[in-house]
């Protein structure tokens, strides 16, 4: 089993992504509203952090919030999840799409009908 964490920067694509997951047999996602550290620091007015000005110029000010999506999946579903994500948001390596990672899960209880 794996825990997949995907931070979706383009939050307007959330519904399309969840629909794609459902089409591909992926269910049970938990969605959290989130904000990245760099986004928070762009609103910080302190002079003691010298890189703040450069961060402000790099970030899209219209995208201040993200969605963090959590999925517990079978190991063999990881490729399907990544493919679903990239089908909706494009190449995850492109700017302002998000970040995805997975970590092994050695215990799960309470996921009925998932065969995990």
PDB file of N, CA and C in Angstrom:
ATOM      1  N   UNK A   1       0.836  -1.185   0.000  1.00  0.00           N
ATOM      2  CA  UNK A   1       0.000   0.000   0.000  1.00  0.00           C
ATOM      3  C   UNK A   1       0.876   1.242   0.000  1.00  0.00           C
ATOM      4  N   UNK A   2       0.294   2.329  -0.500  1.00  0.00           N
ATOM      5  CA  UNK A   2       1.009   3.597  -0.574  1.00  0.00           C
ATOM      6  C   UNK A   2       0.065   4.719  -0.186  1.00  0.00           C
ATOM      7  N   UNK A   3       0.631   5.755   0.400  1.00  0.00           N
ATOM      8  CA  UNK A   3      -0.083   7.011   0.590  1.00  0.00           C
ATOM      9  C   UNK A   3       0.419   7.940  -0.498  1.00  0.00           C
ATOM     10  N   UNK A   4      -0.474   8.389  -1.357  1.00  0.00           N
ATOM     11  CA  UNK A   4      -0.125   9.354  -2.394  1.00  0.00           C
ATOM     12  C   UNK A   4      -0.576  10.717  -1.905  1.00  0.00           C
ATOM     13  N   UNK A   5       0.337  11.672  -1.980  1.00  0.00           N
ATOM     14  CA  UNK A   5       0.044  13.056  -1.629  1.00  0.00           C
ATOM     15  C   UNK A   5       0.248  13.883  -2.888  1.00  0.00           C
ATOM     16  N   UNK A   6      -0.792  14.597  -3.276  1.00  0.00           N
ATOM     17  CA  UNK A   6      -0.709  15.461  -4.451  1.00  0.00           C
ATOM     18  C   UNK A   6      -1.182  16.854  -4.068  1.00  0.00           C
ATOM     19  N   UNK A   7      -0.300  17.836  -4.222  1.00  0.00           N
ATOM     20  CA  UNK A   7      -0.665  19.230  -4.003  1.00  0.00           C
ATOM     21  C   UNK A   7      -1.036  19.803  -5.361  1.00  0.00           C
ATOM     22  N   UNK A   8      -2.303  20.117  -5.525  1.00  0.00           N
ATOM     23  CA  UNK A   8      -2.849  20.630  -6.770  1.00  0.00           C
ATOM     24  C   UNK A   8      -2.871  22.152  -6.708  1.00  0.00           C
ATOM     25  N   UNK A   9      -2.001  22.795  -7.467  1.00  0.00           N
ATOM     26  CA  UNK A   9      -1.963  24.255  -7.474  1.00  0.00           C
ATOM     27  C   UNK A   9      -3.118  24.858  -8.263  1.00  0.00           C
ATOM     28  N   UNK A  10      -3.552  24.171  -9.292  1.00  0.00           N
ATOM     29  CA  UNK A  10      -4.641  24.668 -10.147  1.00  0.00           C
ATOM     30  C   UNK A  10      -5.964  24.164  -9.583  1.00  0.00           C
ATOM     31  N   UNK A  11      -6.404  24.800  -8.513  1.00  0.00           N
ATOM     32  CA  UNK A  11      -7.547  24.249  -7.788  1.00  0.00           C
ATOM     33  C   UNK A  11      -8.833  24.225  -8.597  1.00  0.00           C
ATOM     34  N   UNK A  12      -8.896  24.977  -9.686  1.00  0.00           N
ATOM     35  CA  UNK A  12     -10.073  24.938 -10.545  1.00  0.00           C
ATOM     36  C   UNK A  12     -10.188  23.605 -11.289  1.00  0.00           C
ATOM     37  N   UNK A  13      -9.129  22.780 -11.234  1.00  0.00           N
ATOM     38  CA  UNK A  13      -9.131  21.487 -11.908  1.00  0.00           C
ATOM     39  C   UNK A  13      -9.492  20.335 -10.970  1.00  0.00           C
ATOM     40  N   UNK A  14      -9.874  20.645  -9.746  1.00  0.00           N
ATOM     41  CA  UNK A  14     -10.162  19.602  -8.762  1.00  0.00           C
ATOM     42  C   UNK A  14     -11.282  18.675  -9.221  1.00  0.00           C
ATOM     43  N   UNK A  15     -12.391  19.217  -9.656  1.00  0.00           N
ATOM     44  CA  UNK A  15     -13.527  18.382 -10.052  1.00  0.00           C
ATOM     45  C   UNK A  15     -13.156  17.468 -11.226  1.00  0.00           C
ATOM     46  N   UNK A  16     -12.460  18.003 -12.209  1.00  0.00           N
ATOM     47  CA  UNK A  16     -12.029  17.191 -13.346  1.00  0.00           C
ATOM     48  C   UNK A  16     -11.091  16.078 -12.890  1.00  0.00           C
ATOM     49  N   UNK A  17     -10.220  16.368 -11.942  1.00  0.00           N
ATOM     50  CA  UNK A  17      -9.284  15.364 -11.441  1.00  0.00           C
ATOM     51  C   UNK A  17     -10.021  14.250 -10.701  1.00  0.00           C
ATOM     52  N   UNK A  18     -10.953  14.613  -9.843  1.00  0.00           N
ATOM     53  CA  UNK A  18     -11.704  13.601  -9.102  1.00  0.00           C
ATOM     54  C   UNK A  18     -12.536  12.739 -10.051  1.00  0.00           C
ATOM     55  N   UNK A  19     -13.081  13.362 -11.095  1.00  0.00           N
ATOM     56  CA  UNK A  19     -13.827  12.615 -12.107  1.00  0.00           C
ATOM     57  C   UNK A  19     -12.909  11.627 -12.816  1.00  0.00           C
ATOM     58  N   UNK A  20     -11.703  12.059 -13.141  1.00  0.00           N
ATOM     59  CA  UNK A  20     -10.727  11.179 -13.796  1.00  0.00           C
ATOM     60  C   UNK A  20     -10.342  10.018 -12.881  1.00  0.00           C
ATOM     61  N   UNK A  21     -10.134  10.298 -11.593  1.00  0.00           N
ATOM     62  CA  UNK A  21      -9.852   9.223 -10.640  1.00  0.00           C
ATOM     63  C   UNK A  21     -10.983   8.191 -10.658  1.00  0.00           C
ATOM     64  N   UNK A  22     -12.226   8.659 -10.597  1.00  0.00           N
ATOM     65  CA  UNK A  22     -13.383   7.752 -10.581  1.00  0.00           C
ATOM     66  C   UNK A  22     -13.425   6.904 -11.850  1.00  0.00           C
ATOM     67  N   UNK A  23     -13.164   7.525 -13.001  1.00  0.00           N
ATOM     68  CA  UNK A  23     -13.135   6.775 -14.269  1.00  0.00           C
ATOM     69  C   UNK A  23     -12.090   5.668 -14.250  1.00  0.00           C
ATOM     70  N   UNK A  24     -10.986   5.934 -13.567  1.00  0.00           N
ATOM     71  CA  UNK A  24      -9.876   4.982 -13.537  1.00  0.00           C
ATOM     72  C   UNK A  24      -9.935   4.026 -12.342  1.00  0.00           C
ATOM     73  N   UNK A  25     -11.054   4.045 -11.614  1.00  0.00           N
ATOM     74  CA  UNK A  25     -11.225   3.112 -10.501  1.00  0.00           C
ATOM     75  C   UNK A  25     -10.513   3.502  -9.227  1.00  0.00           C
ATOM     76  N   UNK A  26     -10.124   4.746  -9.117  1.00  0.00           N
ATOM     77  CA  UNK A  26      -9.460   5.245  -7.912  1.00  0.00           C
ATOM     78  C   UNK A  26     -10.517   5.959  -7.068  1.00  0.00           C
ATOM     79  N   UNK A  27     -10.636   5.558  -5.803  1.00  0.00           N
ATOM     80  CA  UNK A  27     -11.650   6.188  -4.943  1.00  0.00           C
ATOM     81  C   UNK A  27     -11.056   6.464  -3.565  1.00  0.00           C
ATOM     82  N   UNK A  28     -11.806   7.188  -2.773  1.00  0.00           N
ATOM     83  CA  UNK A  28     -11.410   7.416  -1.391  1.00  0.00           C
ATOM     84  C   UNK A  28     -10.444   8.561  -1.170  1.00  0.00           C
ATOM     85  N   UNK A  29     -10.428   9.533  -2.060  1.00  0.00           N
ATOM     86  CA  UNK A  29      -9.530  10.672  -1.880  1.00  0.00           C
ATOM     87  C   UNK A  29     -10.032  11.582  -0.759  1.00  0.00           C
ATOM     88  N   UNK A  30      -9.105  12.131  -0.010  1.00  0.00           N
ATOM     89  CA  UNK A  30      -9.403  13.162   0.986  1.00  0.00           C
ATOM     90  C   UNK A  30      -8.778  14.448   0.489  1.00  0.00           C
ATOM     91  N   UNK A  31      -9.555  15.533   0.495  1.00  0.00           N
ATOM     92  CA  UNK A  31      -9.090  16.814  -0.039  1.00  0.00           C
ATOM     93  C   UNK A  31      -8.959  17.811   1.104  1.00  0.00           C
ATOM     94  N   UNK A  32      -7.777  18.402   1.211  1.00  0.00           N
ATOM     95  CA  UNK A  32      -7.504  19.427   2.215  1.00  0.00           C
ATOM     96  C   UNK A  32      -7.201  20.741   1.513  1.00  0.00           C
ATOM     97  N   UNK A  33      -7.679  21.842   2.064  1.00  0.00           N
ATOM     98  CA  UNK A  33      -7.305  23.158   1.557  1.00  0.00           C
ATOM     99  C   UNK A  33      -5.936  23.482   2.144  1.00  0.00           C
ATOM    100  N   UNK A  34      -5.025  23.989   1.315  1.00  0.00           N
ATOM    101  CA  UNK A  34      -3.666  24.207   1.783  1.00  0.00           C
ATOM    102  C   UNK A  34      -3.049  25.450   1.153  1.00  0.00           C
ATOM    103  N   UNK A  35      -2.005  25.927   1.808  1.00  0.00           N
ATOM    104  CA  UNK A  35      -1.223  27.059   1.321  1.00  0.00           C
ATOM    105  C   UNK A  35       0.237  26.744   1.559  1.00  0.00           C
ATOM    106  N   UNK A  36       1.062  26.944   0.542  1.00  0.00           N
ATOM    107  CA  UNK A  36       2.483  26.658   0.670  1.00  0.00           C
ATOM    108  C   UNK A  36       3.236  27.735   1.435  1.00  0.00           C
ATOM    109  N   UNK A  37       4.376  27.368   1.949  1.00  0.00           N
ATOM    110  CA  UNK A  37       5.213  28.270   2.733  1.00  0.00           C
ATOM    111  C   UNK A  37       5.598  29.520   1.943  1.00  0.00           C
ATOM    112  N   UNK A  38       5.989  29.343   0.687  1.00  0.00           N
ATOM    113  CA  UNK A  38       6.407  30.491  -0.115  1.00  0.00           C
ATOM    114  C   UNK A  38       5.254  31.473  -0.302  1.00  0.00           C
ATOM    115  N   UNK A  39       4.051  30.953  -0.479  1.00  0.00           N
ATOM    116  CA  UNK A  39       2.881  31.823  -0.640  1.00  0.00           C
ATOM    117  C   UNK A  39       2.616  32.624   0.626  1.00  0.00           C
ATOM    118  N   UNK A  40       2.770  31.993   1.769  1.00  0.00           N
ATOM    119  CA  UNK A  40       2.561  32.692   3.036  1.00  0.00           C
ATOM    120  C   UNK A  40       3.622  33.768   3.218  1.00  0.00           C
ATOM    121  N   UNK A  41       4.878  33.421   2.902  1.00  0.00           N
ATOM    122  CA  UNK A  41       5.965  34.378   3.094  1.00  0.00           C
ATOM    123  C   UNK A  41       5.874  35.577   2.148  1.00  0.00           C
ATOM    124  N   UNK A  42       5.179  35.447   1.029  1.00  0.00           N
ATOM    125  CA  UNK A  42       5.039  36.597   0.129  1.00  0.00           C
ATOM    126  C   UNK A  42       4.243  37.714   0.778  1.00  0.00           C
ATOM    127  N   UNK A  43       3.449  37.371   1.782  1.00  0.00           N
ATOM    128  CA  UNK A  43       2.669  38.387   2.494  1.00  0.00           C
ATOM    129  C   UNK A  43       3.389  38.918   3.724  1.00  0.00           C
ATOM    130  N   UNK A  44       4.578  38.380   3.985  1.00  0.00           N
ATOM    131  CA  UNK A  44       5.360  38.785   5.148  1.00  0.00           C
ATOM    132  C   UNK A  44       6.130  40.054   4.807  1.00  0.00           C
ATOM    133  N   UNK A  45       6.058  41.047   5.655  1.00  0.00           N
ATOM    134  CA  UNK A  45       6.695  42.333   5.380  1.00  0.00           C
ATOM    135  C   UNK A  45       8.053  42.504   6.057  1.00  0.00           C
ATOM    136  N   UNK A  46       8.533  41.480   6.727  1.00  0.00           N
ATOM    137  CA  UNK A  46       9.800  41.601   7.436  1.00  0.00           C
ATOM    138  C   UNK A  46      10.984  41.762   6.502  1.00  0.00           C
ATOM    139  N   UNK A  47      11.964  42.510   6.930  1.00  0.00           N
ATOM    140  CA  UNK A  47      13.165  42.733   6.133  1.00  0.00           C
ATOM    141  C   UNK A  47      14.254  41.703   6.419  1.00  0.00           C
ATOM    142  N   UNK A  48      14.015  40.828   7.385  1.00  0.00           N
ATOM    143  CA  UNK A  48      15.068  39.900   7.791  1.00  0.00           C
ATOM    144  C   UNK A  48      15.119  38.638   6.926  1.00  0.00           C
ATOM    145  N   UNK A  49      14.239  38.507   5.932  1.00  0.00           N
ATOM    146  CA  UNK A  49      14.286  37.373   5.022  1.00  0.00           C
ATOM    147  C   UNK A  49      14.511  37.932   3.620  1.00  0.00           C
ATOM    148  N   UNK A  50      15.760  37.912   3.135  1.00  0.00           N
ATOM    149  CA  UNK A  50      16.124  38.624   1.909  1.00  0.00           C
ATOM    150  C   UNK A  50      15.508  38.100   0.621  1.00  0.00           C
ATOM    151  N   UNK A  51      15.077  36.849   0.578  1.00  0.00           N
ATOM    152  CA  UNK A  51      14.585  36.292  -0.675  1.00  0.00           C
ATOM    153  C   UNK A  51      13.103  36.553  -0.910  1.00  0.00           C
ATOM    154  N   UNK A  52      12.415  37.211   0.005  1.00  0.00           N
ATOM    155  CA  UNK A  52      10.969  37.414  -0.122  1.00  0.00           C
ATOM    156  C   UNK A  52      10.614  38.192  -1.381  1.00  0.00           C
ATOM    157  N   UNK A  53      11.351  39.217  -1.695  1.00  0.00           N
ATOM    158  CA  UNK A  53      11.054  39.995  -2.896  1.00  0.00           C
ATOM    159  C   UNK A  53      11.134  39.169  -4.158  1.00  0.00           C
ATOM    160  N   UNK A  54      12.116  38.284  -4.231  1.00  0.00           N
ATOM    161  CA  UNK A  54      12.241  37.454  -5.432  1.00  0.00           C
ATOM    162  C   UNK A  54      11.138  36.413  -5.503  1.00  0.00           C
ATOM    163  N   UNK A  55      10.683  35.925  -4.370  1.00  0.00           N
ATOM    164  CA  UNK A  55       9.567  34.975  -4.369  1.00  0.00           C
ATOM    165  C   UNK A  55       8.307  35.663  -4.881  1.00  0.00           C
ATOM    166  N   UNK A  56       8.073  36.876  -4.452  1.00  0.00           N
ATOM    167  CA  UNK A  56       6.870  37.603  -4.886  1.00  0.00           C
ATOM    168  C   UNK A  56       6.796  37.716  -6.399  1.00  0.00           C
ATOM    169  N   UNK A  57       7.925  37.933  -7.046  1.00  0.00           N
ATOM    170  CA  UNK A  57       7.911  38.092  -8.498  1.00  0.00           C
ATOM    171  C   UNK A  57       7.699  36.766  -9.224  1.00  0.00           C
ATOM    172  N   UNK A  58       8.030  35.644  -8.576  1.00  0.00           N
ATOM    173  CA  UNK A  58       7.892  34.341  -9.219  1.00  0.00           C
ATOM    174  C   UNK A  58       6.498  33.743  -9.110  1.00  0.00           C
ATOM    175  N   UNK A  59       5.792  34.081  -8.052  1.00  0.00           N
ATOM    176  CA  UNK A  59       4.509  33.436  -7.803  1.00  0.00           C
ATOM    177  C   UNK A  59       3.368  34.135  -8.516  1.00  0.00           C
ATOM    178  N   UNK A  60       2.413  33.341  -8.934  1.00  0.00           N
ATOM    179  CA  UNK A  60       1.193  33.869  -9.517  1.00  0.00           C
ATOM    180  C   UNK A  60       0.307  34.318  -8.359  1.00  0.00           C
ATOM    181  N   UNK A  61       0.082  35.633  -8.182  1.00  0.00           N
ATOM    182  CA  UNK A  61      -0.670  36.109  -7.025  1.00  0.00           C
ATOM    183  C   UNK A  61      -2.121  35.644  -7.006  1.00  0.00           C
ATOM    184  N   UNK A  62      -2.645  35.237  -8.154  1.00  0.00           N
ATOM    185  CA  UNK A  62      -4.022  34.772  -8.209  1.00  0.00           C
ATOM    186  C   UNK A  62      -4.166  33.367  -7.633  1.00  0.00           C
ATOM    187  N   UNK A  63      -3.078  32.654  -7.503  1.00  0.00           N
ATOM    188  CA  UNK A  63      -3.118  31.298  -6.971  1.00  0.00           C
ATOM    189  C   UNK A  63      -2.542  31.280  -5.560  1.00  0.00           C
ATOM    190  N   UNK A  64      -3.323  31.702  -4.612  1.00  0.00           N
ATOM    191  CA  UNK A  64      -2.813  31.758  -3.252  1.00  0.00           C
ATOM    192  C   UNK A  64      -3.138  30.497  -2.457  1.00  0.00           C
ATOM    193  N   UNK A  65      -4.072  29.704  -2.940  1.00  0.00           N
ATOM    194  CA  UNK A  65      -4.483  28.486  -2.234  1.00  0.00           C
ATOM    195  C   UNK A  65      -4.303  27.280  -3.141  1.00  0.00           C
ATOM    196  N   UNK A  66      -4.186  26.130  -2.529  1.00  0.00           N
ATOM    197  CA  UNK A  66      -4.051  24.860  -3.240  1.00  0.00           C
ATOM    198  C   UNK A  66      -4.982  23.844  -2.595  1.00  0.00           C
ATOM    199  N   UNK A  67      -5.063  22.686  -3.208  1.00  0.00           N
ATOM    200  CA  UNK A  67      -5.732  21.537  -2.611  1.00  0.00           C
ATOM    201  C   UNK A  67      -4.690  20.450  -2.439  1.00  0.00           C
ATOM    202  N   UNK A  68      -4.639  19.857  -1.262  1.00  0.00           N
ATOM    203  CA  UNK A  68      -3.789  18.707  -1.038  1.00  0.00           C
ATOM    204  C   UNK A  68      -4.688  17.480  -1.021  1.00  0.00           C
ATOM    205  N   UNK A  69      -4.399  16.546  -1.901  1.00  0.00           N
ATOM    206  CA  UNK A  69      -5.216  15.351  -2.071  1.00  0.00           C
ATOM    207  C   UNK A  69      -4.446  14.161  -1.523  1.00  0.00           C
ATOM    208  N   UNK A  70      -5.084  13.423  -0.635  1.00  0.00           N
ATOM    209  CA  UNK A  70      -4.488  12.240  -0.020  1.00  0.00           C
ATOM    210  C   UNK A  70      -5.224  10.998  -0.515  1.00  0.00           C
ATOM    211  N   UNK A  71      -4.484   9.992  -0.918  1.00  0.00           N
ATOM    212  CA  UNK A  71      -5.055   8.735  -1.402  1.00  0.00           C
ATOM    213  C   UNK A  71      -4.280   7.564  -0.819  1.00  0.00           C
ATOM    214  N   UNK A  72      -4.963   6.599  -0.247  1.00  0.00           N
ATOM    215  CA  UNK A  72      -4.329   5.342   0.128  1.00  0.00           C
ATOM    216  C   UNK A  72      -4.702   4.356  -0.965  1.00  0.00           C
ATOM    217  N   UNK A  73      -3.676   3.823  -1.622  1.00  0.00           N
ATOM    218  CA  UNK A  73      -3.897   2.966  -2.793  1.00  0.00           C
ATOM    219  C   UNK A  73      -3.075   1.689  -2.685  1.00  0.00           C
ATOM    220  N   UNK A  74      -3.402   0.733  -3.542  1.00  0.00           N
ATOM    221  CA  UNK A  74      -2.558  -0.451  -3.687  1.00  0.00           C
ATOM    222  C   UNK A  74      -1.308  -0.036  -4.459  1.00  0.00           C
ATOM    223  N   UNK A  75      -0.218  -0.720  -4.221  1.00  0.00           N
ATOM    224  CA  UNK A  75       1.051  -0.391  -4.881  1.00  0.00           C
ATOM    225  C   UNK A  75       0.913  -0.320  -6.400  1.00  0.00           C
ATOM    226  N   UNK A  76       0.146  -1.245  -6.973  1.00  0.00           N
ATOM    227  CA  UNK A  76       0.045  -1.301  -8.432  1.00  0.00           C
ATOM    228  C   UNK A  76      -0.850  -0.203  -9.029  1.00  0.00           C
ATOM    229  N   UNK A  77      -1.455   0.630  -8.191  1.00  0.00           N
ATOM    230  CA  UNK A  77      -2.292   1.724  -8.685  1.00  0.00           C
ATOM    231  C   UNK A  77      -1.527   3.043  -8.826  1.00  0.00           C
ATOM    232  N   UNK A  78      -0.276   3.077  -8.387  1.00  0.00           N
ATOM    233  CA  UNK A  78       0.473   4.327  -8.412  1.00  0.00           C
ATOM    234  C   UNK A  78       0.594   4.892  -9.821  1.00  0.00           C
ATOM    235  N   UNK A  79       0.929   4.080 -10.790  1.00  0.00           N
ATOM    236  CA  UNK A  79       1.037   4.550 -12.172  1.00  0.00           C
ATOM    237  C   UNK A  79      -0.273   5.109 -12.692  1.00  0.00           C
ATOM    238  N   UNK A  80      -1.382   4.466 -12.325  1.00  0.00           N
ATOM    239  CA  UNK A  80      -2.701   4.937 -12.745  1.00  0.00           C
ATOM    240  C   UNK A  80      -2.990   6.316 -12.154  1.00  0.00           C
ATOM    241  N   UNK A  81      -2.664   6.497 -10.884  1.00  0.00           N
ATOM    242  CA  UNK A  81      -2.904   7.776 -10.218  1.00  0.00           C
ATOM    243  C   UNK A  81      -2.080   8.881 -10.883  1.00  0.00           C
ATOM    244  N   UNK A  82      -0.805   8.635 -11.112  1.00  0.00           N
ATOM    245  CA  UNK A  82       0.062   9.645 -11.740  1.00  0.00           C
ATOM    246  C   UNK A  82      -0.435   9.966 -13.144  1.00  0.00           C
ATOM    247  N   UNK A  83      -0.819   8.941 -13.887  1.00  0.00           N
ATOM    248  CA  UNK A  83      -1.332   9.160 -15.242  1.00  0.00           C
ATOM    249  C   UNK A  83      -2.627   9.983 -15.215  1.00  0.00           C
ATOM    250  N   UNK A  84      -3.509   9.698 -14.274  1.00  0.00           N
ATOM    251  CA  UNK A  84      -4.751  10.463 -14.139  1.00  0.00           C
ATOM    252  C   UNK A  84      -4.465  11.929 -13.840  1.00  0.00           C
ATOM    253  N   UNK A  85      -3.523  12.160 -12.941  1.00  0.00           N
ATOM    254  CA  UNK A  85      -3.168  13.531 -12.567  1.00  0.00           C
ATOM    255  C   UNK A  85      -2.633  14.285 -13.779  1.00  0.00           C
ATOM    256  N   UNK A  86      -1.702  13.661 -14.493  1.00  0.00           N
ATOM    257  CA  UNK A  86      -1.088  14.353 -15.632  1.00  0.00           C
ATOM    258  C   UNK A  86      -2.055  14.508 -16.805  1.00  0.00           C
ATOM    259  N   UNK A  87      -3.048  13.656 -16.878  1.00  0.00           N
ATOM    260  CA  UNK A  87      -4.063  13.812 -17.918  1.00  0.00           C
ATOM    261  C   UNK A  87      -4.860  15.106 -17.688  1.00  0.00           C
ATOM    262  N   UNK A  88      -5.051  15.462 -16.428  1.00  0.00           N
ATOM    263  CA  UNK A  88      -5.844  16.644 -16.085  1.00  0.00           C
ATOM    264  C   UNK A  88      -4.990  17.914 -16.008  1.00  0.00           C
ATOM    265  N   UNK A  89      -3.842  17.857 -15.346  1.00  0.00           N
ATOM    266  CA  UNK A  89      -3.049  19.070 -15.114  1.00  0.00           C
ATOM    267  C   UNK A  89      -1.886  19.239 -16.084  1.00  0.00           C
ATOM    268  N   UNK A  90      -1.576  18.210 -16.872  1.00  0.00           N
ATOM    269  CA  UNK A  90      -0.414  18.258 -17.740  1.00  0.00           C
ATOM    270  C   UNK A  90       0.802  17.698 -17.018  1.00  0.00           C
ATOM    271  N   UNK A  91       1.944  17.859 -17.626  1.00  0.00           N
ATOM    272  CA  UNK A  91       3.191  17.345 -17.069  1.00  0.00           C
ATOM    273  C   UNK A  91       3.440  17.962 -15.697  1.00  0.00           C
ATOM    274  N   UNK A  92       3.557  17.116 -14.703  1.00  0.00           N
ATOM    275  CA  UNK A  92       3.723  17.591 -13.318  1.00  0.00           C
ATOM    276  C   UNK A  92       5.025  18.362 -13.136  1.00  0.00           C
ATOM    277  N   UNK A  93       5.961  18.219 -14.062  1.00  0.00           N
ATOM    278  CA  UNK A  93       7.220  18.957 -13.986  1.00  0.00           C
ATOM    279  C   UNK A  93       7.069  20.399 -14.466  1.00  0.00           C
ATOM    280  N   UNK A  94       5.950  20.716 -15.108  1.00  0.00           N
ATOM    281  CA  UNK A  94       5.714  22.100 -15.543  1.00  0.00           C
ATOM    282  C   UNK A  94       5.437  22.987 -14.340  1.00  0.00           C
ATOM    283  N   UNK A  95       5.760  24.251 -14.493  1.00  0.00           N
ATOM    284  CA  UNK A  95       5.540  25.225 -13.432  1.00  0.00           C
ATOM    285  C   UNK A  95       4.069  25.342 -13.067  1.00  0.00           C
ATOM    286  N   UNK A  96       3.814  25.560 -11.800  1.00  0.00           N
ATOM    287  CA  UNK A  96       2.486  25.864 -11.266  1.00  0.00           C
ATOM    288  C   UNK A  96       1.464  24.759 -11.500  1.00  0.00           C
ATOM    289  N   UNK A  97       1.910  23.494 -11.492  1.00  0.00           N
ATOM    290  CA  UNK A  97       0.965  22.387 -11.575  1.00  0.00           C
ATOM    291  C   UNK A  97       0.782  21.750 -10.205  1.00  0.00           C
ATOM    292  N   UNK A  98       1.868  21.503  -9.501  1.00  0.00           N
ATOM    293  CA  UNK A  98       1.788  20.896  -8.185  1.00  0.00           C
ATOM    294  C   UNK A  98       2.970  19.994  -7.934  1.00  0.00           C
ATOM    295  N   UNK A  99       2.810  19.167  -6.931  1.00  0.00           N
ATOM    296  CA  UNK A  99       3.846  18.199  -6.567  1.00  0.00           C
ATOM    297  C   UNK A  99       3.141  16.918  -6.143  1.00  0.00           C
ATOM    298  N   UNK A 100       3.734  15.805  -6.492  1.00  0.00           N
ATOM    299  CA  UNK A 100       3.179  14.508  -6.106  1.00  0.00           C
ATOM    300  C   UNK A 100       4.294  13.648  -5.536  1.00  0.00           C
ATOM    301  N   UNK A 101       3.958  12.924  -4.476  1.00  0.00           N
ATOM    302  CA  UNK A 101       4.890  11.942  -3.935  1.00  0.00           C
ATOM    303  C   UNK A 101       4.083  10.846  -3.246  1.00  0.00           C
ATOM    304  N   UNK A 102       4.743   9.724  -3.037  1.00  0.00           N
ATOM    305  CA  UNK A 102       4.085   8.637  -2.315  1.00  0.00           C
ATOM    306  C   UNK A 102       5.036   8.084  -1.279  1.00  0.00           C
ATOM    307  N   UNK A 103       4.440   7.505  -0.262  1.00  0.00           N
ATOM    308  CA  UNK A 103       5.223   6.863   0.790  1.00  0.00           C
ATOM    309  C   UNK A 103       4.567   5.523   1.123  1.00  0.00           C
ATOM    310  N   UNK A 104       5.364   4.557   1.526  1.00  0.00           N
ATOM    311  CA  UNK A 104       4.795   3.255   1.883  1.00  0.00           C
ATOM    312  C   UNK A 104       3.897   3.366   3.118  1.00  0.00           C
ATOM    313  N   UNK A 105       2.850   2.571   3.120  1.00  0.00           N
ATOM    314  CA  UNK A 105       1.939   2.478   4.260  1.00  0.00           C
ATOM    315  C   UNK A 105       1.983   1.032   4.749  1.00  0.00           C
ATOM    316  N   UNK A 106       2.273   0.841   6.024  1.00  0.00           N
ATOM    317  CA  UNK A 106       2.364  -0.532   6.516  1.00  0.00           C
ATOM    318  C   UNK A 106       1.157  -0.943   7.351  1.00  0.00           C
ATOM    319  N   UNK A 107       0.202  -0.029   7.562  1.00  0.00           N
ATOM    320  CA  UNK A 107      -0.992  -0.390   8.306  1.00  0.00           C
ATOM    321  C   UNK A 107      -2.148   0.504   7.892  1.00  0.00           C
ATOM    322  N   UNK A 108      -3.301  -0.124   7.646  1.00  0.00           N
ATOM    323  CA  UNK A 108      -4.533   0.606   7.351  1.00  0.00           C
ATOM    324  C   UNK A 108      -5.680  -0.174   7.973  1.00  0.00           C
ATOM    325  N   UNK A 109      -6.568   0.548   8.603  1.00  0.00           N
ATOM    326  CA  UNK A 109      -7.779  -0.068   9.122  1.00  0.00           C
ATOM    327  C   UNK A 109      -8.911   0.919   8.871  1.00  0.00           C
ATOM    328  N   UNK A 110     -10.028   0.418   8.401  1.00  0.00           N
ATOM    329  CA  UNK A 110     -11.174   1.289   8.194  1.00  0.00           C
ATOM    330  C   UNK A 110     -11.434   1.659   6.748  1.00  0.00           C
ATOM    331  N   UNK A 111     -10.853   0.943   5.807  1.00  0.00           N
ATOM    332  CA  UNK A 111     -11.122   1.177   4.395  1.00  0.00           C
ATOM    333  C   UNK A 111     -11.980   0.033   3.855  1.00  0.00           C
ATOM    334  N   UNK A 112     -13.286   0.096   4.061  1.00  0.00           N
ATOM    335  CA  UNK A 112     -14.136  -1.006   3.604  1.00  0.00           C
ATOM    336  C   UNK A 112     -14.211  -1.067   2.077  1.00  0.00           C
ATOM    337  N   UNK A 113     -14.364  -2.281   1.582  1.00  0.00           N
ATOM    338  CA  UNK A 113     -14.584  -2.514   0.147  1.00  0.00           C
ATOM    339  C   UNK A 113     -13.449  -2.042  -0.753  1.00  0.00           C
ATOM    340  N   UNK A 114     -12.276  -1.867  -0.228  1.00  0.00           N
ATOM    341  CA  UNK A 114     -11.152  -1.452  -1.063  1.00  0.00           C
ATOM    342  C   UNK A 114     -10.168  -2.593  -1.302  1.00  0.00           C
ATOM    343  N   UNK A 115     -10.378  -3.697  -0.639  1.00  0.00           N
ATOM    344  CA  UNK A 115      -9.493  -4.835  -0.842  1.00  0.00           C
ATOM    345  C   UNK A 115      -8.067  -4.565  -0.414  1.00  0.00           C
ATOM    346  N   UNK A 116      -7.879  -3.622   0.486  1.00  0.00           N
ATOM    347  CA  UNK A 116      -6.525  -3.300   0.951  1.00  0.00           C
ATOM    348  C   UNK A 116      -6.300  -3.976   2.284  1.00  0.00           C
TER     349      UNK A 116
END
